PDB file of N, CA and C in Angstrom:
ATOM      1  N   MET A   1      16.206 -62.630  83.296  1.00  0.00           N
ATOM      2  CA  MET A   1      15.351 -62.803  83.022  1.00  0.00           C
ATOM      3  C   MET A   1      14.988 -61.450  82.613  1.00  0.00           C
ATOM      4  N   TYR A   2      14.055 -60.751  81.273  1.00  0.00           N
ATOM      5  CA  TYR A   2      13.986 -60.303  80.587  1.00  0.00           C
ATOM      6  C   TYR A   2      12.653 -59.946  80.331  1.00  0.00           C
ATOM      7  N   ALA A   3      12.314 -58.670  79.929  1.00  0.00           N
ATOM      8  CA  ALA A   3      10.833 -58.255  79.697  1.00  0.00           C
ATOM      9  C   ALA A   3      10.500 -57.360  78.640  1.00  0.00           C
ATOM     10  N   VAL A   4       9.369 -57.367  78.086  1.00  0.00           N
ATOM     11  CA  VAL A   4       9.553 -56.474  76.874  1.00  0.00           C
ATOM     12  C   VAL A   4       8.276 -55.365  77.235  1.00  0.00           C
ATOM     13  N   ILE A   5       8.626 -54.660  77.502  1.00  0.00           N
ATOM     14  CA  ILE A   5       7.178 -53.670  77.660  1.00  0.00           C
ATOM     15  C   ILE A   5       6.955 -52.741  76.750  1.00  0.00           C
ATOM     16  N   GLU A   6       5.668 -51.599  77.014  1.00  0.00           N
ATOM     17  CA  GLU A   6       5.221 -50.780  75.954  1.00  0.00           C
ATOM     18  C   GLU A   6       5.021 -49.860  76.993  1.00  0.00           C
ATOM     19  N   THR A   7       5.536 -48.250  76.260  1.00  0.00           N
ATOM     20  CA  THR A   7       4.984 -47.524  76.866  1.00  0.00           C
ATOM     21  C   THR A   7       5.446 -46.049  76.198  1.00  0.00           C
ATOM     22  N   GLY A   8       4.123 -45.446  76.086  1.00  0.00           N
ATOM     23  CA  GLY A   8       5.062 -43.952  75.119  1.00  0.00           C
ATOM     24  C   GLY A   8       5.197 -44.150  73.880  1.00  0.00           C
ATOM     25  N   GLY A   9       4.242 -45.784  73.023  1.00  0.00           N
ATOM     26  CA  GLY A   9       3.977 -45.554  71.937  1.00  0.00           C
ATOM     27  C   GLY A   9       5.520 -46.137  71.353  1.00  0.00           C
ATOM     28  N   LYS A  10       5.973 -46.403  72.211  1.00  0.00           N
ATOM     29  CA  LYS A  10       7.595 -47.479  72.309  1.00  0.00           C
ATOM     30  C   LYS A  10       7.648 -49.072  72.673  1.00  0.00           C
ATOM     31  N   GLN A  11       8.697 -49.396  72.582  1.00  0.00           N
ATOM     32  CA  GLN A  11       8.765 -51.087  72.780  1.00  0.00           C
ATOM     33  C   GLN A  11       9.669 -50.685  73.688  1.00  0.00           C
ATOM     34  N   TYR A  12      10.469 -51.537  74.731  1.00  0.00           N
ATOM     35  CA  TYR A  12      11.706 -51.481  75.281  1.00  0.00           C
ATOM     36  C   TYR A  12      12.167 -53.097  75.578  1.00  0.00           C
ATOM     37  N   GLN A  13      13.619 -52.954  75.950  1.00  0.00           N
ATOM     38  CA  GLN A  13      13.443 -54.544  76.488  1.00  0.00           C
ATOM     39  C   GLN A  13      14.217 -54.169  77.651  1.00  0.00           C
ATOM     40  N   VAL A  14      13.841 -54.616  78.524  1.00  0.00           N
ATOM     41  CA  VAL A  14      14.036 -54.381  80.548  1.00  0.00           C
ATOM     42  C   VAL A  14      14.985 -55.275  80.943  1.00  0.00           C
ATOM     43  N   ASN A  15      15.341 -55.348  81.657  1.00  0.00           N
ATOM     44  CA  ASN A  15      16.499 -56.071  82.255  1.00  0.00           C
ATOM     45  C   ASN A  15      15.954 -55.805  84.318  1.00  0.00           C
ATOM     46  N   VAL A  16      16.344 -56.111  84.722  1.00  0.00           N
ATOM     47  CA  VAL A  16      15.746 -55.156  86.423  1.00  0.00           C
ATOM     48  C   VAL A  16      17.261 -55.091  86.781  1.00  0.00           C
ATOM     49  N   GLY A  17      16.729 -53.350  87.433  1.00  0.00           N
ATOM     50  CA  GLY A  17      18.362 -52.642  87.471  1.00  0.00           C
ATOM     51  C   GLY A  17      18.907 -51.596  86.109  1.00  0.00           C
ATOM     52  N   ASP A  18      17.775 -52.104  85.297  1.00  0.00           N
ATOM     53  CA  ASP A  18      18.320 -51.061  83.912  1.00  0.00           C
ATOM     54  C   ASP A  18      17.626 -49.273  84.147  1.00  0.00           C
ATOM     55  N   ILE A  19      18.346 -48.077  83.763  1.00  0.00           N
ATOM     56  CA  ILE A  19      18.028 -46.786  83.587  1.00  0.00           C
ATOM     57  C   ILE A  19      17.550 -46.699  82.186  1.00  0.00           C
ATOM     58  N   LEU A  20      16.235 -46.293  82.617  1.00  0.00           N
ATOM     59  CA  LEU A  20      15.897 -45.958  80.906  1.00  0.00           C
ATOM     60  C   LEU A  20      15.238 -44.530  80.751  1.00  0.00           C
ATOM     61  N   PHE A  21      15.123 -44.101  79.954  1.00  0.00           N
ATOM     62  CA  PHE A  21      14.426 -42.578  79.610  1.00  0.00           C
ATOM     63  C   PHE A  21      13.854 -42.668  78.668  1.00  0.00           C
ATOM     64  N   ILE A  22      12.640 -42.427  79.026  1.00  0.00           N
ATOM     65  CA  ILE A  22      11.487 -42.457  78.383  1.00  0.00           C
ATOM     66  C   ILE A  22      10.675 -41.298  78.395  1.00  0.00           C
ATOM     67  N   GLU A  23       9.282 -42.030  77.061  1.00  0.00           N
ATOM     68  CA  GLU A  23       7.983 -40.780  77.331  1.00  0.00           C
ATOM     69  C   GLU A  23       7.576 -40.254  78.426  1.00  0.00           C
ATOM     70  N   LYS A  24       7.600 -38.920  78.487  1.00  0.00           N
ATOM     71  CA  LYS A  24       7.003 -38.198  80.393  1.00  0.00           C
ATOM     72  C   LYS A  24       5.971 -39.300  80.910  1.00  0.00           C
ATOM     73  N   LEU A  25       6.197 -39.353  81.865  1.00  0.00           N
ATOM     74  CA  LEU A  25       4.633 -39.857  82.523  1.00  0.00           C
ATOM     75  C   LEU A  25       4.246 -38.772  83.454  1.00  0.00           C
ATOM     76  N   ASP A  26       3.077 -39.009  84.138  1.00  0.00           N
ATOM     77  CA  ASP A  26       2.730 -38.209  84.940  1.00  0.00           C
ATOM     78  C   ASP A  26       3.056 -38.668  86.034  1.00  0.00           C
ATOM     79  N   ALA A  27       4.131 -38.617  87.022  1.00  0.00           N
ATOM     80  CA  ALA A  27       4.430 -38.917  87.775  1.00  0.00           C
ATOM     81  C   ALA A  27       5.594 -38.082  88.554  1.00  0.00           C
ATOM     82  N   GLU A  28       5.986 -37.556  89.636  1.00  0.00           N
ATOM     83  CA  GLU A  28       6.814 -37.540  90.589  1.00  0.00           C
ATOM     84  C   GLU A  28       8.399 -37.983  90.550  1.00  0.00           C
ATOM     85  N   ALA A  29       9.377 -37.517  90.862  1.00  0.00           N
ATOM     86  CA  ALA A  29      10.630 -37.978  91.528  1.00  0.00           C
ATOM     87  C   ALA A  29      10.181 -39.390  92.787  1.00  0.00           C
ATOM     88  N   ASP A  30      10.956 -40.117  92.641  1.00  0.00           N
ATOM     89  CA  ASP A  30      10.801 -41.064  93.703  1.00  0.00           C
ATOM     90  C   ASP A  30       9.576 -41.814  93.884  1.00  0.00           C
ATOM     91  N   ALA A  31       8.323 -41.766  92.441  1.00  0.00           N
ATOM     92  CA  ALA A  31       6.934 -42.445  92.580  1.00  0.00           C
ATOM     93  C   ALA A  31       7.244 -43.763  92.430  1.00  0.00           C
ATOM     94  N   ASN A  32       6.597 -44.921  92.560  1.00  0.00           N
ATOM     95  CA  ASN A  32       6.498 -45.951  92.258  1.00  0.00           C
ATOM     96  C   ASN A  32       5.642 -46.444  90.533  1.00  0.00           C
ATOM     97  N   VAL A  33       6.273 -46.484  90.079  1.00  0.00           N
ATOM     98  CA  VAL A  33       4.983 -47.014  88.819  1.00  0.00           C
ATOM     99  C   VAL A  33       5.182 -48.528  88.340  1.00  0.00           C
ATOM    100  N   THR A  34       4.190 -48.652  87.454  1.00  0.00           N
ATOM    101  CA  THR A  34       3.799 -50.589  86.972  1.00  0.00           C
ATOM    102  C   THR A  34       3.242 -50.235  85.782  1.00  0.00           C
ATOM    103  N   PHE A  35       4.570 -50.993  85.140  1.00  0.00           N
ATOM    104  CA  PHE A  35       3.952 -50.953  83.233  1.00  0.00           C
ATOM    105  C   PHE A  35       3.168 -52.475  83.080  1.00  0.00           C
ATOM    106  N   ASP A  36       1.933 -52.309  83.169  1.00  0.00           N
ATOM    107  CA  ASP A  36       1.249 -53.838  82.581  1.00  0.00           C
ATOM    108  C   ASP A  36       1.264 -54.055  81.073  1.00  0.00           C
ATOM    109  N   LYS A  37       1.177 -53.277  80.008  1.00  0.00           N
ATOM    110  CA  LYS A  37       1.612 -53.137  78.954  1.00  0.00           C
ATOM    111  C   LYS A  37       3.190 -54.950  78.845  1.00  0.00           C
ATOM    112  N   VAL A  38       3.353 -55.634  79.496  1.00  0.00           N
ATOM    113  CA  VAL A  38       4.006 -56.679  78.368  1.00  0.00           C
ATOM    114  C   VAL A  38       3.930 -57.461  77.483  1.00  0.00           C
ATOM    115  N   ILE A  39       4.749 -57.335  76.959  1.00  0.00           N
ATOM    116  CA  ILE A  39       4.453 -58.295  75.401  1.00  0.00           C
ATOM    117  C   ILE A  39       5.312 -60.112  75.650  1.00  0.00           C
ATOM    118  N   ALA A  40       6.038 -59.852  76.448  1.00  0.00           N
ATOM    119  CA  ALA A  40       6.934 -60.743  75.914  1.00  0.00           C
ATOM    120  C   ALA A  40       7.711 -60.910  77.467  1.00  0.00           C
ATOM    121  N   VAL A  41       7.993 -62.182  78.299  1.00  0.00           N
ATOM    122  CA  VAL A  41       8.529 -62.483  78.883  1.00  0.00           C
ATOM    123  C   VAL A  41       9.906 -63.463  78.969  1.00  0.00           C
ATOM    124  N   GLY A  42      11.149 -63.351  78.946  1.00  0.00           N
ATOM    125  CA  GLY A  42      11.974 -64.577  78.667  1.00  0.00           C
ATOM    126  C   GLY A  42      12.565 -64.671  80.114  1.00  0.00           C
ATOM    127  N   LYS A  43      12.338 -65.402  79.737  1.00  0.00           N
ATOM    128  CA  LYS A  43      13.064 -66.866  81.511  1.00  0.00           C
ATOM    129  C   LYS A  43      14.458 -67.740  80.929  1.00  0.00           C
ATOM    130  N   ASP A  44      14.687 -68.839  82.601  1.00  0.00           N
ATOM    131  CA  ASP A  44      15.441 -69.984  81.557  1.00  0.00           C
ATOM    132  C   ASP A  44      14.492 -70.548  80.757  1.00  0.00           C
ATOM    133  N   ASP A  45      13.733 -70.914  81.597  1.00  0.00           N
ATOM    134  CA  ASP A  45      12.944 -72.087  80.507  1.00  0.00           C
ATOM    135  C   ASP A  45      12.069 -71.490  79.282  1.00  0.00           C
ATOM    136  N   GLY A  46      12.852 -70.609  79.123  1.00  0.00           N
ATOM    137  CA  GLY A  46      11.542 -70.258  77.366  1.00  0.00           C
ATOM    138  C   GLY A  46      11.030 -68.596  77.420  1.00  0.00           C
ATOM    139  N   LEU A  47      10.613 -68.472  76.516  1.00  0.00           N
ATOM    140  CA  LEU A  47      10.123 -67.453  76.252  1.00  0.00           C
ATOM    141  C   LEU A  47       7.940 -67.603  76.665  1.00  0.00           C
ATOM    142  N   ALA A  48       7.394 -66.124  77.460  1.00  0.00           N
ATOM    143  CA  ALA A  48       6.163 -66.273  77.252  1.00  0.00           C
ATOM    144  C   ALA A  48       6.047 -65.061  76.558  1.00  0.00           C
ATOM    145  N   VAL A  49       5.803 -65.247  75.306  1.00  0.00           N
ATOM    146  CA  VAL A  49       4.961 -64.287  74.510  1.00  0.00           C
ATOM    147  C   VAL A  49       3.592 -64.138  74.537  1.00  0.00           C
ATOM    148  N   GLY A  50       2.676 -62.815  74.524  1.00  0.00           N
ATOM    149  CA  GLY A  50       1.487 -62.456  74.931  1.00  0.00           C
ATOM    150  C   GLY A  50       0.718 -62.134  73.625  1.00  0.00           C
ATOM    151  N   ALA A  51      -0.971 -62.506  73.419  1.00  0.00           N
ATOM    152  CA  ALA A  51      -1.395 -62.089  72.168  1.00  0.00           C
ATOM    153  C   ALA A  51      -2.558 -60.793  72.977  1.00  0.00           C
ATOM    154  N   PRO A  52      -2.683 -59.626  72.529  1.00  0.00           N
ATOM    155  CA  PRO A  52      -1.592 -58.884  72.738  1.00  0.00           C
ATOM    156  C   PRO A  52      -0.160 -58.590  73.898  1.00  0.00           C
ATOM    157  N   TYR A  53      -0.918 -59.000  75.080  1.00  0.00           N
ATOM    158  CA  TYR A  53       0.266 -58.801  76.186  1.00  0.00           C
ATOM    159  C   TYR A  53      -0.209 -60.238  77.367  1.00  0.00           C
ATOM    160  N   VAL A  54       1.073 -60.161  77.790  1.00  0.00           N
ATOM    161  CA  VAL A  54       0.762 -61.991  78.810  1.00  0.00           C
ATOM    162  C   VAL A  54       0.375 -61.199  79.628  1.00  0.00           C
ATOM    163  N   ASP A  55      -0.706 -62.159  80.336  1.00  0.00           N
ATOM    164  CA  ASP A  55      -1.314 -62.116  81.376  1.00  0.00           C
ATOM    165  C   ASP A  55      -0.487 -61.970  82.484  1.00  0.00           C
ATOM    166  N   GLY A  56      -1.364 -61.320  83.360  1.00  0.00           N
ATOM    167  CA  GLY A  56      -0.837 -61.289  84.631  1.00  0.00           C
ATOM    168  C   GLY A  56       0.623 -60.837  84.898  1.00  0.00           C
ATOM    169  N   ALA A  57       1.172 -60.123  84.069  1.00  0.00           N
ATOM    170  CA  ALA A  57       2.638 -60.082  83.967  1.00  0.00           C
ATOM    171  C   ALA A  57       3.255 -58.571  84.115  1.00  0.00           C
ATOM    172  N   SER A  58       3.684 -57.718  84.835  1.00  0.00           N
ATOM    173  CA  SER A  58       3.895 -56.358  84.631  1.00  0.00           C
ATOM    174  C   SER A  58       5.199 -55.947  85.570  1.00  0.00           C
ATOM    175  N   VAL A  59       5.433 -54.669  85.484  1.00  0.00           N
ATOM    176  CA  VAL A  59       7.430 -54.520  85.073  1.00  0.00           C
ATOM    177  C   VAL A  59       7.010 -53.108  86.876  1.00  0.00           C
ATOM    178  N   ALA A  60       8.103 -53.409  87.586  1.00  0.00           N
ATOM    179  CA  ALA A  60       7.980 -52.433  88.102  1.00  0.00           C
ATOM    180  C   ALA A  60       9.333 -52.326  88.153  1.00  0.00           C
ATOM    181  N   ALA A  61       8.778 -50.047  88.440  1.00  0.00           N
ATOM    182  CA  ALA A  61       9.709 -49.642  87.859  1.00  0.00           C
ATOM    183  C   ALA A  61       9.660 -47.644  89.163  1.00  0.00           C
ATOM    184  N   LYS A  62      10.626 -47.419  89.020  1.00  0.00           N
ATOM    185  CA  LYS A  62      10.450 -46.244  90.174  1.00  0.00           C
ATOM    186  C   LYS A  62      11.020 -44.874  89.474  1.00  0.00           C
ATOM    187  N   VAL A  63      10.430 -43.777  89.301  1.00  0.00           N
ATOM    188  CA  VAL A  63      10.910 -42.713  88.546  1.00  0.00           C
ATOM    189  C   VAL A  63      12.328 -42.353  89.431  1.00  0.00           C
ATOM    190  N   ILE A  64      13.279 -41.518  88.321  1.00  0.00           N
ATOM    191  CA  ILE A  64      14.622 -41.032  89.062  1.00  0.00           C
ATOM    192  C   ILE A  64      14.261 -39.471  89.309  1.00  0.00           C
ATOM    193  N   LYS A  65      13.495 -39.352  87.768  1.00  0.00           N
ATOM    194  CA  LYS A  65      13.575 -37.548  87.908  1.00  0.00           C
ATOM    195  C   LYS A  65      13.059 -37.166  86.096  1.00  0.00           C
ATOM    196  N   ASN A  66      12.154 -36.337  86.394  1.00  0.00           N
ATOM    197  CA  ASN A  66      12.016 -35.697  85.159  1.00  0.00           C
ATOM    198  C   ASN A  66      12.391 -34.519  84.391  1.00  0.00           C
ATOM    199  N   GLY A  67      12.769 -34.329  82.969  1.00  0.00           N
ATOM    200  CA  GLY A  67      13.517 -33.570  82.674  1.00  0.00           C
ATOM    201  C   GLY A  67      13.351 -33.270  81.681  1.00  0.00           C
ATOM    202  N   LYS A  68      14.045 -32.746  80.610  1.00  0.00           N
ATOM    203  CA  LYS A  68      14.550 -32.304  79.262  1.00  0.00           C
ATOM    204  C   LYS A  68      14.808 -32.721  78.346  1.00  0.00           C
ATOM    205  N   SER A  69      15.539 -33.067  77.320  1.00  0.00           N
ATOM    206  CA  SER A  69      16.369 -33.531  76.099  1.00  0.00           C
ATOM    207  C   SER A  69      17.542 -32.464  75.895  1.00  0.00           C
ATOM    208  N   LYS A  70      18.148 -32.737  75.025  1.00  0.00           N
ATOM    209  CA  LYS A  70      18.903 -31.299  74.418  1.00  0.00           C
ATOM    210  C   LYS A  70      18.242 -31.168  74.231  1.00  0.00           C
ATOM    211  N   LYS A  71      18.505 -29.799  73.319  1.00  0.00           N
ATOM    212  CA  LYS A  71      17.649 -28.760  72.005  1.00  0.00           C
ATOM    213  C   LYS A  71      18.092 -29.536  70.990  1.00  0.00           C
ATOM    214  N   VAL A  72      16.897 -29.719  69.724  1.00  0.00           N
ATOM    215  CA  VAL A  72      17.096 -29.743  68.827  1.00  0.00           C
ATOM    216  C   VAL A  72      16.764 -28.531  67.804  1.00  0.00           C
ATOM    217  N   THR A  73      17.658 -28.233  66.985  1.00  0.00           N
ATOM    218  CA  THR A  73      17.484 -26.960  66.199  1.00  0.00           C
ATOM    219  C   THR A  73      15.855 -27.735  64.844  1.00  0.00           C
ATOM    220  N   VAL A  74      15.192 -26.713  64.314  1.00  0.00           N
ATOM    221  CA  VAL A  74      14.440 -27.201  63.635  1.00  0.00           C
ATOM    222  C   VAL A  74      14.597 -25.925  62.290  1.00  0.00           C
ATOM    223  N   PHE A  75      14.540 -26.015  60.876  1.00  0.00           N
ATOM    224  CA  PHE A  75      14.808 -24.838  59.847  1.00  0.00           C
ATOM    225  C   PHE A  75      13.934 -25.651  59.311  1.00  0.00           C
ATOM    226  N   THR A  76      13.579 -24.527  59.138  1.00  0.00           N
ATOM    227  CA  THR A  76      12.360 -24.985  57.786  1.00  0.00           C
ATOM    228  C   THR A  76      11.835 -23.151  56.888  1.00  0.00           C
ATOM    229  N   TYR A  77      12.604 -23.691  54.802  1.00  0.00           N
ATOM    230  CA  TYR A  77      11.854 -22.772  54.373  1.00  0.00           C
ATOM    231  C   TYR A  77      11.700 -23.204  53.033  1.00  0.00           C
ATOM    232  N   LYS A  78      11.474 -22.255  52.438  1.00  0.00           N
ATOM    233  CA  LYS A  78      10.898 -22.676  50.549  1.00  0.00           C
ATOM    234  C   LYS A  78      11.637 -22.042  49.312  1.00  0.00           C
ATOM    235  N   PRO A  79      12.538 -22.332  48.513  1.00  0.00           N
ATOM    236  CA  PRO A  79      13.352 -22.433  47.942  1.00  0.00           C
ATOM    237  C   PRO A  79      13.286 -20.789  47.493  1.00  0.00           C
ATOM    238  N   LYS A  80      13.719 -19.680  47.108  1.00  0.00           N
ATOM    239  CA  LYS A  80      13.557 -18.986  45.781  1.00  0.00           C
ATOM    240  C   LYS A  80      12.471 -17.929  46.882  1.00  0.00           C
ATOM    241  N   LYS A  81      11.437 -18.278  47.803  1.00  0.00           N
ATOM    242  CA  LYS A  81      10.169 -17.671  48.339  1.00  0.00           C
ATOM    243  C   LYS A  81      10.885 -16.583  49.443  1.00  0.00           C
ATOM    244  N   GLY A  82      12.148 -16.762  49.475  1.00  0.00           N
ATOM    245  CA  GLY A  82      12.490 -15.606  50.331  1.00  0.00           C
ATOM    246  C   GLY A  82      11.527 -15.968  52.128  1.00  0.00           C
ATOM    247  N   GLU A  83      11.627 -17.303  52.377  1.00  0.00           N
ATOM    248  CA  GLU A  83      10.537 -17.747  53.464  1.00  0.00           C
ATOM    249  C   GLU A  83      11.683 -18.770  54.602  1.00  0.00           C
ATOM    250  N   LYS A  84      11.311 -18.166  55.393  1.00  0.00           N
ATOM    251  CA  LYS A  84      12.717 -19.082  56.379  1.00  0.00           C
ATOM    252  C   LYS A  84      12.012 -19.414  57.812  1.00  0.00           C
ATOM    253  N   ARG A  85      11.808 -20.420  58.273  1.00  0.00           N
ATOM    254  CA  ARG A  85      11.900 -20.379  60.097  1.00  0.00           C
ATOM    255  C   ARG A  85      12.692 -21.038  60.736  1.00  0.00           C
ATOM    256  N   LYS A  86      12.757 -20.766  61.938  1.00  0.00           N
ATOM    257  CA  LYS A  86      13.890 -21.767  62.816  1.00  0.00           C
ATOM    258  C   LYS A  86      13.279 -21.722  64.340  1.00  0.00           C
ATOM    259  N   MET A  87      13.142 -23.383  64.605  1.00  0.00           N
ATOM    260  CA  MET A  87      12.424 -23.137  65.724  1.00  0.00           C
ATOM    261  C   MET A  87      13.432 -24.581  66.426  1.00  0.00           C
ATOM    262  N   GLY A  88      13.546 -23.824  68.114  1.00  0.00           N
ATOM    263  CA  GLY A  88      14.025 -25.328  68.584  1.00  0.00           C
ATOM    264  C   GLY A  88      13.074 -26.653  69.548  1.00  0.00           C
ATOM    265  N   HIS A  89      13.002 -27.963  69.836  1.00  0.00           N
ATOM    266  CA  HIS A  89      12.458 -28.200  70.478  1.00  0.00           C
ATOM    267  C   HIS A  89      12.819 -28.653  71.017  1.00  0.00           C
ATOM    268  N   ARG A  90      13.057 -29.547  72.897  1.00  0.00           N
ATOM    269  CA  ARG A  90      13.141 -29.741  73.993  1.00  0.00           C
ATOM    270  C   ARG A  90      12.411 -30.938  74.172  1.00  0.00           C
ATOM    271  N   GLN A  91      12.353 -32.030  74.052  1.00  0.00           N
ATOM    272  CA  GLN A  91      11.588 -33.302  74.441  1.00  0.00           C
ATOM    273  C   GLN A  91      11.384 -33.579  75.986  1.00  0.00           C
ATOM    274  N   PRO A  92      10.150 -33.747  76.129  1.00  0.00           N
ATOM    275  CA  PRO A  92      10.442 -34.052  78.037  1.00  0.00           C
ATOM    276  C   PRO A  92      10.871 -35.699  77.854  1.00  0.00           C
ATOM    277  N   TYR A  93      11.856 -36.260  79.238  1.00  0.00           N
ATOM    278  CA  TYR A  93      10.959 -37.576  79.493  1.00  0.00           C
ATOM    279  C   TYR A  93      11.309 -37.484  81.381  1.00  0.00           C
ATOM    280  N   THR A  94      11.287 -38.770  81.034  1.00  0.00           N
ATOM    281  CA  THR A  94      10.754 -39.536  82.636  1.00  0.00           C
ATOM    282  C   THR A  94      12.276 -40.642  82.613  1.00  0.00           C
ATOM    283  N   GLN A  95      13.109 -40.641  83.053  1.00  0.00           N
ATOM    284  CA  GLN A  95      13.951 -41.248  84.205  1.00  0.00           C
ATOM    285  C   GLN A  95      13.339 -42.275  84.451  1.00  0.00           C
ATOM    286  N   VAL A  96      13.592 -43.406  84.404  1.00  0.00           N
ATOM    287  CA  VAL A  96      12.990 -44.836  85.366  1.00  0.00           C
ATOM    288  C   VAL A  96      14.088 -45.617  85.392  1.00  0.00           C
ATOM    289  N   LYS A  97      14.671 -46.188  86.548  1.00  0.00           N
ATOM    290  CA  LYS A  97      14.893 -47.676  87.316  1.00  0.00           C
ATOM    291  C   LYS A  97      14.539 -48.996  86.728  1.00  0.00           C
ATOM    292  N   ILE A  98      14.239 -49.819  86.766  1.00  0.00           N
ATOM    293  CA  ILE A  98      13.028 -51.488  86.220  1.00  0.00           C
ATOM    294  C   ILE A  98      14.253 -51.818  87.805  1.00  0.00           C
ATOM    295  N   GLU A  99      12.850 -52.145  89.028  1.00  0.00           N
ATOM    296  CA  GLU A  99      12.939 -52.628  90.367  1.00  0.00           C
ATOM    297  C   GLU A  99      13.016 -54.107  90.470  1.00  0.00           C
ATOM    298  N   ALA A 100      11.425 -54.194  89.427  1.00  0.00           N
ATOM    299  CA  ALA A 100      11.170 -55.979  89.867  1.00  0.00           C
ATOM    300  C   ALA A 100       9.930 -56.236  88.594  1.00  0.00           C
ATOM    301  N   ILE A 101      10.588 -57.906  87.458  1.00  0.00           N
ATOM    302  CA  ILE A 101       9.765 -57.798  86.475  1.00  0.00           C
ATOM    303  C   ILE A 101       8.884 -59.321  87.327  1.00  0.00           C
ATOM    304  N   ASN A 102       7.147 -59.385  87.149  1.00  0.00           N
ATOM    305  CA  ASN A 102       7.009 -60.203  88.110  1.00  0.00           C
ATOM    306  C   ASN A 102       6.708 -60.506  86.841  1.00  0.00           C
ATOM    307  N   ALA A 103       5.871 -62.360  86.865  1.00  0.00           N
ATOM    308  CA  ALA A 103       6.165 -62.967  85.757  1.00  0.00           C
ATOM    309  C   ALA A 103       4.857 -64.443  86.340  1.00  0.00           C
TER     310      ALA A 103
END
């Protein structure tokens, strides 16, 4: 059984036991979170697709940790003007483990 969930403006296909890096959630480590925006649920007898979400479906997960990804260097410049700027960015994330798919 698998599910397609939406969180942080992105969609993820998840199975029980998967570990995901998603956009940062407002939850501490070892907290339980529930994703209610389930777009589709795939079972042995077929696929249940919502319009836009499947009624009564949810995905339970446990937060493993919060952190920041590796630094990305952003360099902007304007040619022939002597204008340049170097910046770095570290995107925050939340690592979760999928524990149950309730359909």
